[in-house]
C-alpha cells in the first residue's frame, strides 16, 4: 500500500514537472525555468548529472532532465515489488 502511494506521488510530481516544462515552453519559449528545475532535479538525481560528465548539447540536457525521473520511479517500483514479496509473501 505504502509503495503504491510513494510511487504514485513520484509519478505525479514527474508529470507536474513535465507539464510545467511544456507550459513554460509555450508561454515564454525559455529552455528550462527554475520551477521546472526544482521539481525535476531531485526526482532525477543522480541520472540527470550525466551531461556534466559526458558533455552534450542543450537538447540532450533537456531530454535527460525530463526523462531521468522515470529511472528512479522504476527503481522505487521494482524495490517495492521485491520487498513486498520478501516480507509479505501472502499478499498484504
C-alpha atoms as a PDB file:
ATOM      1  CA  UNK A   1       0.000   0.000   0.000  1.00  0.00           C
ATOM      2  CA  UNK A   2       2.693   2.495   1.004  1.00  0.00           C
ATOM      3  CA  UNK A   3       4.754   1.534  -2.058  1.00  0.00           C
ATOM      4  CA  UNK A   4       1.873   2.418  -4.353  1.00  0.00           C
ATOM      5  CA  UNK A   5       1.487   5.752  -2.634  1.00  0.00           C
ATOM      6  CA  UNK A   6       5.185   6.616  -2.867  1.00  0.00           C
ATOM      7  CA  UNK A   7       5.463   5.514  -6.485  1.00  0.00           C
ATOM      8  CA  UNK A   8       2.249   7.333  -7.357  1.00  0.00           C
ATOM      9  CA  UNK A   9       3.401  10.555  -5.717  1.00  0.00           C
ATOM     10  CA  UNK A  10       6.720  10.376  -7.549  1.00  0.00           C
ATOM     11  CA  UNK A  11       4.905   9.829 -10.838  1.00  0.00           C
ATOM     12  CA  UNK A  12       2.534  12.732 -10.152  1.00  0.00           C
ATOM     13  CA  UNK A  13       5.460  15.026  -9.321  1.00  0.00           C
ATOM     14  CA  UNK A  14       7.174  13.969 -12.543  1.00  0.00           C
ATOM     15  CA  UNK A  15       4.019  14.619 -14.589  1.00  0.00           C
ATOM     16  CA  UNK A  16       3.683  18.034 -12.933  1.00  0.00           C
ATOM     17  CA  UNK A  17       7.306  18.861 -13.746  1.00  0.00           C
ATOM     18  CA  UNK A  18       6.927  17.838 -17.376  1.00  0.00           C
ATOM     19  CA  UNK A  19       3.679  19.800 -17.627  1.00  0.00           C
ATOM     20  CA  UNK A  20       5.368  22.871 -16.160  1.00  0.00           C
ATOM     21  CA  UNK A  21       8.176  22.493 -18.678  1.00  0.00           C
ATOM     22  CA  UNK A  22       5.836  22.376 -21.669  1.00  0.00           C
ATOM     23  CA  UNK A  23       3.644  25.184 -20.342  1.00  0.00           C
ATOM     24  CA  UNK A  24       6.749  27.320 -19.907  1.00  0.00           C
ATOM     25  CA  UNK A  25       7.921  26.425 -23.419  1.00  0.00           C
ATOM     26  CA  UNK A  26       4.587  27.543 -24.842  1.00  0.00           C
ATOM     27  CA  UNK A  27       4.379  30.788 -22.888  1.00  0.00           C
ATOM     28  CA  UNK A  28       7.915  32.092 -22.644  1.00  0.00           C
ATOM     29  CA  UNK A  29       9.962  29.918 -25.032  1.00  0.00           C
ATOM     30  CA  UNK A  30      12.643  29.540 -22.349  1.00  0.00           C
ATOM     31  CA  UNK A  31      14.849  26.483 -22.234  1.00  0.00           C
ATOM     32  CA  UNK A  32      14.341  25.466 -18.594  1.00  0.00           C
ATOM     33  CA  UNK A  33      12.798  27.621 -15.892  1.00  0.00           C
ATOM     34  CA  UNK A  34      13.619  27.463 -12.199  1.00  0.00           C
ATOM     35  CA  UNK A  35      10.291  25.917 -11.096  1.00  0.00           C
ATOM     36  CA  UNK A  36      10.643  23.039 -13.532  1.00  0.00           C
ATOM     37  CA  UNK A  37      14.237  22.509 -12.430  1.00  0.00           C
ATOM     38  CA  UNK A  38      13.185  22.464  -8.770  1.00  0.00           C
ATOM     39  CA  UNK A  39      10.633  19.742  -9.462  1.00  0.00           C
ATOM     40  CA  UNK A  40      12.613  17.557 -11.858  1.00  0.00           C
ATOM     41  CA  UNK A  41      16.145  17.803 -10.451  1.00  0.00           C
ATOM     42  CA  UNK A  42      15.574  15.972  -7.132  1.00  0.00           C
ATOM     43  CA  UNK A  43      13.451  13.332  -8.865  1.00  0.00           C
ATOM     44  CA  UNK A  44      16.158  12.556 -11.414  1.00  0.00           C
ATOM     45  CA  UNK A  45      19.285  12.539  -9.282  1.00  0.00           C
ATOM     46  CA  UNK A  46      21.925  11.119  -9.938  1.00  0.00           C
ATOM     47  CA  UNK A  47      20.997  10.362 -13.568  1.00  0.00           C
ATOM     48  CA  UNK A  48      20.462  13.982 -14.566  1.00  0.00           C
ATOM     49  CA  UNK A  49      24.076  14.754 -13.675  1.00  0.00           C
ATOM     50  CA  UNK A  50      25.405  12.662 -16.567  1.00  0.00           C
ATOM     51  CA  UNK A  51      25.607  15.625 -19.022  1.00  0.00           C
ATOM     52  CA  UNK A  52      28.101  17.242 -16.659  1.00  0.00           C
ATOM     53  CA  UNK A  53      30.454  14.297 -17.049  1.00  0.00           C
ATOM     54  CA  UNK A  54      29.873  13.292 -20.658  1.00  0.00           C
ATOM     55  CA  UNK A  55      29.027  16.683 -22.141  1.00  0.00           C
ATOM     56  CA  UNK A  56      26.348  17.188 -24.730  1.00  0.00           C
ATOM     57  CA  UNK A  57      24.074  19.683 -26.349  1.00  0.00           C
ATOM     58  CA  UNK A  58      21.349  21.691 -24.670  1.00  0.00           C
ATOM     59  CA  UNK A  59      18.721  19.460 -26.255  1.00  0.00           C
ATOM     60  CA  UNK A  60      20.323  16.353 -24.779  1.00  0.00           C
ATOM     61  CA  UNK A  61      20.399  18.018 -21.369  1.00  0.00           C
ATOM     62  CA  UNK A  62      16.678  18.790 -21.586  1.00  0.00           C
ATOM     63  CA  UNK A  63      15.836  15.242 -22.660  1.00  0.00           C
ATOM     64  CA  UNK A  64      17.872  13.800 -19.785  1.00  0.00           C
ATOM     65  CA  UNK A  65      16.304  16.232 -17.294  1.00  0.00           C
ATOM     66  CA  UNK A  66      12.817  15.253 -18.440  1.00  0.00           C
ATOM     67  CA  UNK A  67      13.493  11.504 -18.618  1.00  0.00           C
ATOM     68  CA  UNK A  68      15.798  10.843 -15.667  1.00  0.00           C
ATOM     69  CA  UNK A  69      12.999  10.720 -13.068  1.00  0.00           C
ATOM     70  CA  UNK A  70      11.488   7.747 -14.907  1.00  0.00           C
ATOM     71  CA  UNK A  71      14.555   5.683 -13.988  1.00  0.00           C
ATOM     72  CA  UNK A  72      14.144   6.465 -10.290  1.00  0.00           C
ATOM     73  CA  UNK A  73      10.394   5.821 -10.399  1.00  0.00           C
ATOM     74  CA  UNK A  74      11.050   2.399 -11.935  1.00  0.00           C
ATOM     75  CA  UNK A  75      13.751   1.648  -9.347  1.00  0.00           C
ATOM     76  CA  UNK A  76      11.401   2.507  -6.459  1.00  0.00           C
ATOM     77  CA  UNK A  77       8.602   0.488  -8.017  1.00  0.00           C
ATOM     78  CA  UNK A  78      10.884  -2.532  -8.518  1.00  0.00           C
ATOM     79  CA  UNK A  79      12.275  -2.339  -4.988  1.00  0.00           C
ATOM     80  CA  UNK A  80       8.768  -2.162  -3.591  1.00  0.00           C
ATOM     81  CA  UNK A  81       7.778  -5.279  -5.531  1.00  0.00           C
ATOM     82  CA  UNK A  82      10.844  -7.188  -4.291  1.00  0.00           C
ATOM     83  CA  UNK A  83      10.359  -6.075  -0.688  1.00  0.00           C
ATOM     84  CA  UNK A  84       6.647  -6.870  -0.779  1.00  0.00           C
ATOM     85  CA  UNK A  85       7.387 -10.405  -1.987  1.00  0.00           C
ATOM     86  CA  UNK A  86      10.086 -10.817   0.653  1.00  0.00           C
ATOM     87  CA  UNK A  87       8.248  -9.523   3.697  1.00  0.00           C
ATOM     88  CA  UNK A  88       4.655 -10.194   2.737  1.00  0.00           C
ATOM     89  CA  UNK A  89       4.504 -13.440   0.721  1.00  0.00           C
ATOM     90  CA  UNK A  90       0.754 -13.973   1.163  1.00  0.00           C
ATOM     91  CA  UNK A  91      -0.082 -10.549  -0.294  1.00  0.00           C
ATOM     92  CA  UNK A  92      -0.729  -7.746   2.171  1.00  0.00           C
END
